[in-house]
Amino acid sequence: KLLSALTGMAFTVVAFYTYTGVYGKNSDVMNILIYFAAMA
């Protein structure tokens, strides 16, 4: 469970900074999708 929480947190950080780096801006829709993907 500890590693699971860290997995979700790492996924969030990596996905957020990857898409904002590529896309160039922040998107609420992408942030919501990243959140649910991180939990999954």
Full PDB file with SEQRES, HELIX, SHEET, SSBOND, CRYST1, ORIGX, SCALE, CONECT and MASTER records, all heavy atoms in Angstrom:
SEQRES   1 A   40  LYS LEU LEU SER ALA LEU THR GLY MET ALA PHE THR VAL          
SEQRES   2 A   40  VAL ALA PHE TYR THR TYR THR GLY VAL TYR GLY LYS ASN          
SEQRES   3 A   40  SER ASP VAL MET ASN ILE LEU ILE TYR PHE ALA ALA MET          
SEQRES   4 A   40  ALA                                                          
HELIX    1 AA1 LEU A    2  TYR A   23  1                                  22    
HELIX    2 AA2 ASP A   28  MET A   39  1                                  12    
CRYST1    1.000    1.000    1.000  90.00  90.00  90.00 P 1           1          
ORIGX1      1.000000  0.000000  0.000000        0.00000                         
ORIGX2      0.000000  1.000000  0.000000        0.00000                         
ORIGX3      0.000000  0.000000  1.000000        0.00000                         
SCALE1      1.000000  0.000000  0.000000        0.00000                         
SCALE2      0.000000  1.000000  0.000000        0.00000                         
SCALE3      0.000000  0.000000  1.000000        0.00000                         
ATOM      1  N   LYS A   1       0.822  -1.215   0.000  1.00  0.00           N  
ATOM      2  CA  LYS A   1       0.000   0.000   0.000  1.00  0.00           C  
ATOM      3  C   LYS A   1       0.856   1.265   0.000  1.00  0.00           C  
ATOM      4  O   LYS A   1       0.516   2.249  -0.648  1.00  0.00           O  
ATOM      5  CB  LYS A   1      -0.980  -0.003   1.174  1.00  0.00           C  
ATOM      6  CG  LYS A   1      -2.069  -1.033   0.999  1.00  0.00           C  
ATOM      7  CD  LYS A   1      -2.814  -0.806  -0.311  1.00  0.00           C  
ATOM      8  CE  LYS A   1      -3.850  -1.854  -0.585  1.00  0.00           C  
ATOM      9  NZ  LYS A   1      -4.661  -1.562  -1.755  1.00  0.00           N  
ATOM     10  N   LEU A   2       1.985   1.237   0.717  1.00  0.00           N  
ATOM     11  CA  LEU A   2       2.893   2.381   0.676  1.00  0.00           C  
ATOM     12  C   LEU A   2       3.433   2.568  -0.736  1.00  0.00           C  
ATOM     13  O   LEU A   2       3.404   3.673  -1.286  1.00  0.00           O  
ATOM     14  CB  LEU A   2       4.051   2.185   1.656  1.00  0.00           C  
ATOM     15  CG  LEU A   2       5.143   3.256   1.608  1.00  0.00           C  
ATOM     16  CD1 LEU A   2       4.584   4.626   1.964  1.00  0.00           C  
ATOM     17  CD2 LEU A   2       6.287   2.873   2.530  1.00  0.00           C  
ATOM     18  N   LEU A   3       3.906   1.488  -1.341  1.00  0.00           N  
ATOM     19  CA  LEU A   3       4.439   1.585  -2.702  1.00  0.00           C  
ATOM     20  C   LEU A   3       3.349   1.902  -3.716  1.00  0.00           C  
ATOM     21  O   LEU A   3       3.600   2.561  -4.725  1.00  0.00           O  
ATOM     22  CB  LEU A   3       5.189   0.311  -3.068  1.00  0.00           C  
ATOM     23  CG  LEU A   3       6.471   0.086  -2.266  1.00  0.00           C  
ATOM     24  CD1 LEU A   3       7.092  -1.255  -2.605  1.00  0.00           C  
ATOM     25  CD2 LEU A   3       7.464   1.214  -2.480  1.00  0.00           C  
ATOM     26  N   SER A   4       2.138   1.484  -3.447  1.00  0.00           N  
ATOM     27  CA  SER A   4       1.014   1.817  -4.308  1.00  0.00           C  
ATOM     28  C   SER A   4       0.748   3.328  -4.283  1.00  0.00           C  
ATOM     29  O   SER A   4       0.559   3.953  -5.332  1.00  0.00           O  
ATOM     30  CB  SER A   4      -0.228   1.049  -3.835  1.00  0.00           C  
ATOM     31  OG  SER A   4      -1.359   1.417  -4.562  1.00  0.00           O  
ATOM     32  N   ALA A   5       0.749   3.915  -3.096  1.00  0.00           N  
ATOM     33  CA  ALA A   5       0.559   5.363  -2.982  1.00  0.00           C  
ATOM     34  C   ALA A   5       1.696   6.106  -3.692  1.00  0.00           C  
ATOM     35  O   ALA A   5       1.450   7.078  -4.418  1.00  0.00           O  
ATOM     36  CB  ALA A   5       0.484   5.772  -1.514  1.00  0.00           C  
ATOM     37  N   LEU A   6       2.914   5.635  -3.508  1.00  0.00           N  
ATOM     38  CA  LEU A   6       4.048   6.267  -4.183  1.00  0.00           C  
ATOM     39  C   LEU A   6       3.961   6.113  -5.695  1.00  0.00           C  
ATOM     40  O   LEU A   6       4.342   7.023  -6.442  1.00  0.00           O  
ATOM     41  CB  LEU A   6       5.365   5.676  -3.659  1.00  0.00           C  
ATOM     42  CG  LEU A   6       5.710   6.038  -2.212  1.00  0.00           C  
ATOM     43  CD1 LEU A   6       6.894   5.207  -1.722  1.00  0.00           C  
ATOM     44  CD2 LEU A   6       5.988   7.524  -2.077  1.00  0.00           C  
ATOM     45  N   THR A   7       3.442   4.981  -6.159  1.00  0.00           N  
ATOM     46  CA  THR A   7       3.245   4.775  -7.592  1.00  0.00           C  
ATOM     47  C   THR A   7       2.268   5.804  -8.155  1.00  0.00           C  
ATOM     48  O   THR A   7       2.531   6.424  -9.190  1.00  0.00           O  
ATOM     49  CB  THR A   7       2.728   3.339  -7.866  1.00  0.00           C  
ATOM     50  OG1 THR A   7       3.719   2.409  -7.443  1.00  0.00           O  
ATOM     51  CG2 THR A   7       2.394   3.130  -9.331  1.00  0.00           C  
ATOM     52  N   GLY A   8       1.148   5.975  -7.478  1.00  0.00           N  
ATOM     53  CA  GLY A   8       0.154   6.963  -7.925  1.00  0.00           C  
ATOM     54  C   GLY A   8       0.716   8.375  -7.910  1.00  0.00           C  
ATOM     55  O   GLY A   8       0.471   9.170  -8.827  1.00  0.00           O  
ATOM     56  N   MET A   9       1.486   8.689  -6.882  1.00  0.00           N  
ATOM     57  CA  MET A   9       2.071  10.030  -6.787  1.00  0.00           C  
ATOM     58  C   MET A   9       3.114  10.245  -7.886  1.00  0.00           C  
ATOM     59  O   MET A   9       3.136  11.304  -8.531  1.00  0.00           O  
ATOM     60  CB  MET A   9       2.675  10.225  -5.399  1.00  0.00           C  
ATOM     61  CG  MET A   9       1.628  10.274  -4.298  1.00  0.00           C  
ATOM     62  SD  MET A   9       2.306  10.102  -2.636  1.00  0.00           S  
ATOM     63  CE  MET A   9       3.385  11.508  -2.530  1.00  0.00           C  
ATOM     64  N   ALA A  10       3.963   9.254  -8.118  1.00  0.00           N  
ATOM     65  CA  ALA A  10       4.985   9.373  -9.164  1.00  0.00           C  
ATOM     66  C   ALA A  10       4.336   9.490 -10.543  1.00  0.00           C  
ATOM     67  O   ALA A  10       4.759  10.304 -11.372  1.00  0.00           O  
ATOM     68  CB  ALA A  10       5.931   8.175  -9.118  1.00  0.00           C  
ATOM     69  N   PHE A  11       3.292   8.689 -10.772  1.00  0.00           N  
ATOM     70  CA  PHE A  11       2.572   8.763 -12.047  1.00  0.00           C  
ATOM     71  C   PHE A  11       2.041  10.178 -12.258  1.00  0.00           C  
ATOM     72  O   PHE A  11       2.150  10.739 -13.357  1.00  0.00           O  
ATOM     73  CB  PHE A  11       1.421   7.752 -12.056  1.00  0.00           C  
ATOM     74  CG  PHE A  11       0.668   7.710 -13.355  1.00  0.00           C  
ATOM     75  CD1 PHE A  11       0.956   6.742 -14.296  1.00  0.00           C  
ATOM     76  CD2 PHE A  11      -0.331   8.638 -13.635  1.00  0.00           C  
ATOM     77  CE1 PHE A  11       0.271   6.701 -15.500  1.00  0.00           C  
ATOM     78  CE2 PHE A  11      -1.024   8.611 -14.831  1.00  0.00           C  
ATOM     79  CZ  PHE A  11      -0.723   7.637 -15.769  1.00  0.00           C  
ATOM     80  N   THR A  12       1.461  10.757 -11.224  1.00  0.00           N  
ATOM     81  CA  THR A  12       0.903  12.110 -11.312  1.00  0.00           C  
ATOM     82  C   THR A  12       1.970  13.115 -11.717  1.00  0.00           C  
ATOM     83  O   THR A  12       1.766  13.909 -12.642  1.00  0.00           O  
ATOM     84  CB  THR A  12       0.282  12.514  -9.957  1.00  0.00           C  
ATOM     85  OG1 THR A  12      -0.757  11.591  -9.632  1.00  0.00           O  
ATOM     86  CG2 THR A  12      -0.270  13.929 -10.001  1.00  0.00           C  
ATOM     87  N   VAL A  13       3.103  13.093 -11.037  1.00  0.00           N  
ATOM     88  CA  VAL A  13       4.173  14.059 -11.305  1.00  0.00           C  
ATOM     89  C   VAL A  13       4.728  13.875 -12.715  1.00  0.00           C  
ATOM     90  O   VAL A  13       4.851  14.845 -13.473  1.00  0.00           O  
ATOM     91  CB  VAL A  13       5.291  13.947 -10.245  1.00  0.00           C  
ATOM     92  CG1 VAL A  13       6.506  14.789 -10.626  1.00  0.00           C  
ATOM     93  CG2 VAL A  13       4.768  14.350  -8.871  1.00  0.00           C  
ATOM     94  N   VAL A  14       5.051  12.649 -13.066  1.00  0.00           N  
ATOM     95  CA  VAL A  14       5.650  12.391 -14.382  1.00  0.00           C  
ATOM     96  C   VAL A  14       4.663  12.748 -15.502  1.00  0.00           C  
ATOM     97  O   VAL A  14       5.033  13.429 -16.470  1.00  0.00           O  
ATOM     98  CB  VAL A  14       6.118  10.923 -14.491  1.00  0.00           C  
ATOM     99  CG1 VAL A  14       6.502  10.571 -15.919  1.00  0.00           C  
ATOM    100  CG2 VAL A  14       7.279  10.672 -13.542  1.00  0.00           C  
ATOM    101  N   ALA A  15       3.424  12.319 -15.386  1.00  0.00           N  
ATOM    102  CA  ALA A  15       2.440  12.607 -16.436  1.00  0.00           C  
ATOM    103  C   ALA A  15       2.168  14.103 -16.552  1.00  0.00           C  
ATOM    104  O   ALA A  15       2.105  14.647 -17.662  1.00  0.00           O  
ATOM    105  CB  ALA A  15       1.144  11.846 -16.166  1.00  0.00           C  
ATOM    106  N   PHE A  16       2.041  14.789 -15.420  1.00  0.00           N  
ATOM    107  CA  PHE A  16       1.751  16.228 -15.454  1.00  0.00           C  
ATOM    108  C   PHE A  16       2.881  16.993 -16.133  1.00  0.00           C  
ATOM    109  O   PHE A  16       2.647  17.786 -17.048  1.00  0.00           O  
ATOM    110  CB  PHE A  16       1.519  16.781 -14.045  1.00  0.00           C  
ATOM    111  CG  PHE A  16       1.336  18.270 -14.021  1.00  0.00           C  
ATOM    112  CD1 PHE A  16       0.133  18.833 -14.434  1.00  0.00           C  
ATOM    113  CD2 PHE A  16       2.360  19.111 -13.630  1.00  0.00           C  
ATOM    114  CE1 PHE A  16      -0.039  20.207 -14.436  1.00  0.00           C  
ATOM    115  CE2 PHE A  16       2.196  20.489 -13.628  1.00  0.00           C  
ATOM    116  CZ  PHE A  16       0.987  21.039 -14.035  1.00  0.00           C  
ATOM    117  N   TYR A  17       4.115  16.754 -15.682  1.00  0.00           N  
ATOM    118  CA  TYR A  17       5.227  17.517 -16.260  1.00  0.00           C  
ATOM    119  C   TYR A  17       5.544  17.090 -17.691  1.00  0.00           C  
ATOM    120  O   TYR A  17       6.040  17.894 -18.476  1.00  0.00           O  
ATOM    121  CB  TYR A  17       6.456  17.460 -15.350  1.00  0.00           C  
ATOM    122  CG  TYR A  17       6.259  18.334 -14.129  1.00  0.00           C  
ATOM    123  CD1 TYR A  17       6.092  17.779 -12.871  1.00  0.00           C  
ATOM    124  CD2 TYR A  17       6.184  19.713 -14.253  1.00  0.00           C  
ATOM    125  CE1 TYR A  17       5.880  18.583 -11.754  1.00  0.00           C  
ATOM    126  CE2 TYR A  17       5.970  20.528 -13.160  1.00  0.00           C  
ATOM    127  CZ  TYR A  17       5.809  19.954 -11.911  1.00  0.00           C  
ATOM    128  OH  TYR A  17       5.589  20.760 -10.816  1.00  0.00           O  
ATOM    129  N   THR A  18       5.229  15.871 -18.059  1.00  0.00           N  
ATOM    130  CA  THR A  18       5.428  15.439 -19.443  1.00  0.00           C  
ATOM    131  C   THR A  18       4.438  16.143 -20.367  1.00  0.00           C  
ATOM    132  O   THR A  18       4.832  16.736 -21.369  1.00  0.00           O  
ATOM    133  CB  THR A  18       5.285  13.908 -19.568  1.00  0.00           C  
ATOM    134  OG1 THR A  18       6.283  13.286 -18.763  1.00  0.00           O  
ATOM    135  CG2 THR A  18       5.435  13.462 -21.018  1.00  0.00           C  
ATOM    136  N   TYR A  19       3.162  16.083 -20.022  1.00  0.00           N  
ATOM    137  CA  TYR A  19       2.189  16.698 -20.936  1.00  0.00           C  
ATOM    138  C   TYR A  19       2.301  18.220 -20.966  1.00  0.00           C  
ATOM    139  O   TYR A  19       2.157  18.832 -22.023  1.00  0.00           O  
ATOM    140  CB  TYR A  19       0.757  16.218 -20.646  1.00  0.00           C  
ATOM    141  CG  TYR A  19      -0.110  17.157 -19.857  1.00  0.00           C  
ATOM    142  CD1 TYR A  19      -0.728  18.260 -20.458  1.00  0.00           C  
ATOM    143  CD2 TYR A  19      -0.343  16.954 -18.507  1.00  0.00           C  
ATOM    144  CE1 TYR A  19      -1.515  19.124 -19.728  1.00  0.00           C  
ATOM    145  CE2 TYR A  19      -1.133  17.802 -17.779  1.00  0.00           C  
ATOM    146  CZ  TYR A  19      -1.720  18.892 -18.388  1.00  0.00           C  
ATOM    147  OH  TYR A  19      -2.503  19.747 -17.663  1.00  0.00           O  
ATOM    148  N   THR A  20       2.573  18.858 -19.828  1.00  0.00           N  
ATOM    149  CA  THR A  20       2.706  20.319 -19.859  1.00  0.00           C  
ATOM    150  C   THR A  20       3.982  20.726 -20.593  1.00  0.00           C  
ATOM    151  O   THR A  20       4.010  21.776 -21.236  1.00  0.00           O  
ATOM    152  CB  THR A  20       2.679  20.945 -18.447  1.00  0.00           C  
ATOM    153  OG1 THR A  20       3.684  20.350 -17.630  1.00  0.00           O  
ATOM    154  CG2 THR A  20       1.313  20.794 -17.805  1.00  0.00           C  
ATOM    155  N   GLY A  21       5.019  19.890 -20.527  1.00  0.00           N  
ATOM    156  CA  GLY A  21       6.242  20.173 -21.278  1.00  0.00           C  
ATOM    157  C   GLY A  21       6.040  20.034 -22.767  1.00  0.00           C  
ATOM    158  O   GLY A  21       6.542  20.829 -23.556  1.00  0.00           O  
ATOM    159  N   VAL A  22       5.270  19.029 -23.174  1.00  0.00           N  
ATOM    160  CA  VAL A  22       5.021  18.794 -24.600  1.00  0.00           C  
ATOM    161  C   VAL A  22       3.960  19.760 -25.127  1.00  0.00           C  
ATOM    162  O   VAL A  22       4.130  20.386 -26.168  1.00  0.00           O  
ATOM    163  CB  VAL A  22       4.585  17.324 -24.843  1.00  0.00           C  
ATOM    164  CG1 VAL A  22       4.088  17.118 -26.262  1.00  0.00           C  
ATOM    165  CG2 VAL A  22       5.732  16.379 -24.524  1.00  0.00           C  
ATOM    166  N   TYR A  23       2.869  19.877 -24.404  1.00  0.00           N  
ATOM    167  CA  TYR A  23       1.726  20.680 -24.826  1.00  0.00           C  
ATOM    168  C   TYR A  23       1.969  22.174 -24.622  1.00  0.00           C  
ATOM    169  O   TYR A  23       1.429  23.005 -25.341  1.00  0.00           O  
ATOM    170  CB  TYR A  23       0.488  20.207 -24.059  1.00  0.00           C  
ATOM    171  CG  TYR A  23      -0.821  20.806 -24.474  1.00  0.00           C  
ATOM    172  CD1 TYR A  23      -1.286  20.728 -25.780  1.00  0.00           C  
ATOM    173  CD2 TYR A  23      -1.626  21.440 -23.524  1.00  0.00           C  
ATOM    174  CE1 TYR A  23      -2.506  21.265 -26.141  1.00  0.00           C  
ATOM    175  CE2 TYR A  23      -2.855  21.981 -23.878  1.00  0.00           C  
ATOM    176  CZ  TYR A  23      -3.279  21.898 -25.185  1.00  0.00           C  
ATOM    177  OH  TYR A  23      -4.483  22.433 -25.542  1.00  0.00           O  
ATOM    178  N   GLY A  24       2.754  22.502 -23.611  1.00  0.00           N  
ATOM    179  CA  GLY A  24       3.093  23.894 -23.366  1.00  0.00           C  
ATOM    180  C   GLY A  24       2.138  24.642 -22.455  1.00  0.00           C  
ATOM    181  O   GLY A  24       2.365  25.803 -22.156  1.00  0.00           O  
ATOM    182  N   LYS A  25       1.067  24.013 -22.054  1.00  0.00           N  
ATOM    183  CA  LYS A  25       0.152  24.675 -21.114  1.00  0.00           C  
ATOM    184  C   LYS A  25      -0.573  23.638 -20.279  1.00  0.00           C  
ATOM    185  O   LYS A  25      -0.537  22.442 -20.553  1.00  0.00           O  
ATOM    186  CB  LYS A  25      -0.823  25.595 -21.830  1.00  0.00           C  
ATOM    187  CG  LYS A  25      -1.611  25.015 -22.954  1.00  0.00           C  
ATOM    188  CD  LYS A  25      -2.475  26.097 -23.602  1.00  0.00           C  
ATOM    189  CE  LYS A  25      -2.824  25.687 -25.014  1.00  0.00           C  
ATOM    190  NZ  LYS A  25      -3.712  26.622 -25.655  1.00  0.00           N  
ATOM    191  N   ASN A  26      -1.251  24.143 -19.260  1.00  0.00           N  
ATOM    192  CA  ASN A  26      -1.959  23.336 -18.288  1.00  0.00           C  
ATOM    193  C   ASN A  26      -3.417  23.170 -18.722  1.00  0.00           C  
ATOM    194  O   ASN A  26      -4.035  24.131 -19.155  1.00  0.00           O  
ATOM    195  CB  ASN A  26      -1.866  24.048 -16.935  1.00  0.00           C  
ATOM    196  CG  ASN A  26      -2.310  23.202 -15.784  1.00  0.00           C  
ATOM    197  OD1 ASN A  26      -2.750  22.084 -15.939  1.00  0.00           O  
ATOM    198  ND2 ASN A  26      -2.192  23.755 -14.595  1.00  0.00           N  
ATOM    199  N   SER A  27      -3.952  21.972 -18.606  1.00  0.00           N  
ATOM    200  CA  SER A  27      -5.336  21.707 -19.003  1.00  0.00           C  
ATOM    201  C   SER A  27      -6.061  21.004 -17.864  1.00  0.00           C  
ATOM    202  O   SER A  27      -5.606  19.958 -17.384  1.00  0.00           O  
ATOM    203  CB  SER A  27      -5.344  20.809 -20.251  1.00  0.00           C  
ATOM    204  OG  SER A  27      -6.588  20.176 -20.410  1.00  0.00           O  
ATOM    205  N   ASP A  28      -7.187  21.561 -17.442  1.00  0.00           N  
ATOM    206  CA  ASP A  28      -7.969  20.928 -16.371  1.00  0.00           C  
ATOM    207  C   ASP A  28      -8.431  19.537 -16.776  1.00  0.00           C  
ATOM    208  O   ASP A  28      -8.424  18.622 -15.958  1.00  0.00           O  
ATOM    209  CB  ASP A  28      -9.179  21.792 -15.999  1.00  0.00           C  
ATOM    210  CG  ASP A  28      -8.781  23.046 -15.234  1.00  0.00           C  
ATOM    211  OD1 ASP A  28      -7.671  23.082 -14.674  1.00  0.00           O  
ATOM    212  OD2 ASP A  28      -9.600  23.991 -15.186  1.00  0.00           O  
ATOM    213  N   VAL A  29      -8.823  19.364 -18.024  1.00  0.00           N  
ATOM    214  CA  VAL A  29      -9.271  18.048 -18.491  1.00  0.00           C  
ATOM    215  C   VAL A  29      -8.137  17.036 -18.373  1.00  0.00           C  
ATOM    216  O   VAL A  29      -8.332  15.920 -17.874  1.00  0.00           O  
ATOM    217  CB  VAL A  29      -9.804  18.124 -19.942  1.00  0.00           C  
ATOM    218  CG1 VAL A  29     -10.065  16.737 -20.513  1.00  0.00           C  
ATOM    219  CG2 VAL A  29     -11.058  18.983 -20.013  1.00  0.00           C  
ATOM    220  N   MET A  30      -6.941  17.415 -18.804  1.00  0.00           N  
ATOM    221  CA  MET A  30      -5.788  16.507 -18.697  1.00  0.00           C  
ATOM    222  C   MET A  30      -5.457  16.209 -17.237  1.00  0.00           C  
ATOM    223  O   MET A  30      -5.138  15.071 -16.892  1.00  0.00           O  
ATOM    224  CB  MET A  30      -4.562  17.096 -19.407  1.00  0.00           C  
ATOM    225  CG  MET A  30      -4.608  16.975 -20.906  1.00  0.00           C  
ATOM    226  SD  MET A  30      -4.664  15.265 -21.471  1.00  0.00           S  
ATOM    227  CE  MET A  30      -3.079  14.659 -20.937  1.00  0.00           C  
ATOM    228  N   ASN A  31      -5.541  17.215 -16.390  1.00  0.00           N  
ATOM    229  CA  ASN A  31      -5.249  17.006 -14.970  1.00  0.00           C  
ATOM    230  C   ASN A  31      -6.218  16.010 -14.342  1.00  0.00           C  
ATOM    231  O   ASN A  31      -5.816  15.158 -13.553  1.00  0.00           O  
ATOM    232  CB  ASN A  31      -5.292  18.325 -14.203  1.00  0.00           C  
ATOM    233  CG  ASN A  31      -4.183  19.265 -14.620  1.00  0.00           C  
ATOM    234  OD1 ASN A  31      -3.190  18.850 -15.211  1.00  0.00           O  
ATOM    235  ND2 ASN A  31      -4.353  20.532 -14.328  1.00  0.00           N  
ATOM    236  N   ILE A  32      -7.473  16.103 -14.699  1.00  0.00           N  
ATOM    237  CA  ILE A  32      -8.485  15.168 -14.185  1.00  0.00           C  
ATOM    238  C   ILE A  32      -8.215  13.759 -14.708  1.00  0.00           C  
ATOM    239  O   ILE A  32      -8.264  12.785 -13.949  1.00  0.00           O  
ATOM    240  CB  ILE A  32      -9.906  15.658 -14.547  1.00  0.00           C  
ATOM    241  CG1 ILE A  32     -10.219  16.937 -13.758  1.00  0.00           C  
ATOM    242  CG2 ILE A  32     -10.946  14.570 -14.278  1.00  0.00           C  
ATOM    243  CD1 ILE A  32     -11.439  17.698 -14.258  1.00  0.00           C  
ATOM    244  N   LEU A  33      -7.904  13.651 -15.998  1.00  0.00           N  
ATOM    245  CA  LEU A  33      -7.583  12.338 -16.568  1.00  0.00           C  
ATOM    246  C   LEU A  33      -6.341  11.735 -15.907  1.00  0.00           C  
ATOM    247  O   LEU A  33      -6.305  10.535 -15.610  1.00  0.00           O  
ATOM    248  CB  LEU A  33      -7.386  12.448 -18.081  1.00  0.00           C  
ATOM    249  CG  LEU A  33      -8.643  12.751 -18.902  1.00  0.00           C  
ATOM    250  CD1 LEU A  33      -8.280  13.003 -20.362  1.00  0.00           C  
ATOM    251  CD2 LEU A  33      -9.650  11.627 -18.776  1.00  0.00           C  
ATOM    252  N   ILE A  34      -5.340  12.555 -15.667  1.00  0.00           N  
ATOM    253  CA  ILE A  34      -4.118  12.084 -15.000  1.00  0.00           C  
ATOM    254  C   ILE A  34      -4.452  11.597 -13.596  1.00  0.00           C  
ATOM    255  O   ILE A  34      -3.943  10.559 -13.154  1.00  0.00           O  
ATOM    256  CB  ILE A  34      -3.039  13.185 -14.970  1.00  0.00           C  
ATOM    257  CG1 ILE A  34      -2.451  13.358 -16.368  1.00  0.00           C  
ATOM    258  CG2 ILE A  34      -1.950  12.880 -13.946  1.00  0.00           C  
ATOM    259  CD1 ILE A  34      -1.541  14.554 -16.515  1.00  0.00           C  
ATOM    260  N   TYR A  35      -5.300  12.318 -12.895  1.00  0.00           N  
ATOM    261  CA  TYR A  35      -5.666  11.914 -11.533  1.00  0.00           C  
ATOM    262  C   TYR A  35      -6.276  10.510 -11.532  1.00  0.00           C  
ATOM    263  O   TYR A  35      -5.862   9.643 -10.768  1.00  0.00           O  
ATOM    264  CB  TYR A  35      -6.636  12.925 -10.902  1.00  0.00           C  
ATOM    265  CG  TYR A  35      -7.207  12.407  -9.611  1.00  0.00           C  
ATOM    266  CD1 TYR A  35      -6.402  12.323  -8.479  1.00  0.00           C  
ATOM    267  CD2 TYR A  35      -8.505  11.940  -9.528  1.00  0.00           C  
ATOM    268  CE1 TYR A  35      -6.895  11.804  -7.295  1.00  0.00           C  
ATOM    269  CE2 TYR A  35      -9.006  11.422  -8.351  1.00  0.00           C  
ATOM    270  CZ  TYR A  35      -8.198  11.360  -7.238  1.00  0.00           C  
ATOM    271  OH  TYR A  35      -8.678  10.833  -6.074  1.00  0.00           O  
ATOM    272  N   PHE A  36      -7.265  10.303 -12.391  1.00  0.00           N  
ATOM    273  CA  PHE A  36      -7.921   8.996 -12.413  1.00  0.00           C  
ATOM    274  C   PHE A  36      -6.986   7.898 -12.919  1.00  0.00           C  
ATOM    275  O   PHE A  36      -7.019   6.766 -12.422  1.00  0.00           O  
ATOM    276  CB  PHE A  36      -9.226   9.049 -13.203  1.00  0.00           C  
ATOM    277  CG  PHE A  36     -10.308   9.787 -12.468  1.00  0.00           C  
ATOM    278  CD1 PHE A  36     -10.722  11.039 -12.874  1.00  0.00           C  
ATOM    279  CD2 PHE A  36     -10.898   9.235 -11.335  1.00  0.00           C  
ATOM    280  CE1 PHE A  36     -11.707  11.726 -12.184  1.00  0.00           C  
ATOM    281  CE2 PHE A  36     -11.877   9.905 -10.631  1.00  0.00           C  
ATOM    282  CZ  PHE A  36     -12.289  11.163 -11.053  1.00  0.00           C  
ATOM    283  N   ALA A  37      -6.110   8.228 -13.861  1.00  0.00           N  
ATOM    284  CA  ALA A  37      -5.124   7.251 -14.339  1.00  0.00           C  
ATOM    285  C   ALA A  37      -4.123   6.920 -13.234  1.00  0.00           C  
ATOM    286  O   ALA A  37      -3.708   5.760 -13.086  1.00  0.00           O  
ATOM    287  CB  ALA A  37      -4.401   7.784 -15.573  1.00  0.00           C  
ATOM    288  N   ALA A  38      -3.745   7.902 -12.440  1.00  0.00           N  
ATOM    289  CA  ALA A  38      -2.819   7.664 -11.328  1.00  0.00           C  
ATOM    290  C   ALA A  38      -3.445   6.748 -10.282  1.00  0.00           C  
ATOM    291  O   ALA A  38      -2.779   5.843  -9.760  1.00  0.00           O  
ATOM    292  CB  ALA A  38      -2.401   8.996 -10.692  1.00  0.00           C  
ATOM    293  N   MET A  39      -4.714   6.970  -9.972  1.00  0.00           N  
ATOM    294  CA  MET A  39      -5.393   6.107  -9.009  1.00  0.00           C  
ATOM    295  C   MET A  39      -5.498   4.686  -9.563  1.00  0.00           C  
ATOM    296  O   MET A  39      -5.271   3.713  -8.836  1.00  0.00           O  
ATOM    297  CB  MET A  39      -6.775   6.663  -8.658  1.00  0.00           C  
ATOM    298  CG  MET A  39      -6.712   7.972  -7.897  1.00  0.00           C  
ATOM    299  SD  MET A  39      -5.752   7.893  -6.384  1.00  0.00           S  
ATOM    300  CE  MET A  39      -7.040   7.567  -5.214  1.00  0.00           C  
ATOM    301  N   ALA A  40      -5.815   4.572 -10.851  1.00  0.00           N  
ATOM    302  CA  ALA A  40      -5.897   3.242 -11.471  1.00  0.00           C  
ATOM    303  C   ALA A  40      -4.533   2.553 -11.441  1.00  0.00           C  
ATOM    304  O   ALA A  40      -4.436   1.358 -11.139  1.00  0.00           O  
ATOM    305  CB  ALA A  40      -6.411   3.358 -12.906  1.00  0.00           C  
TER     306      ALA A  40                                                      
MASTER        0    0    0    2    0    0    0    6  305    1    0    4          
END                                                                             
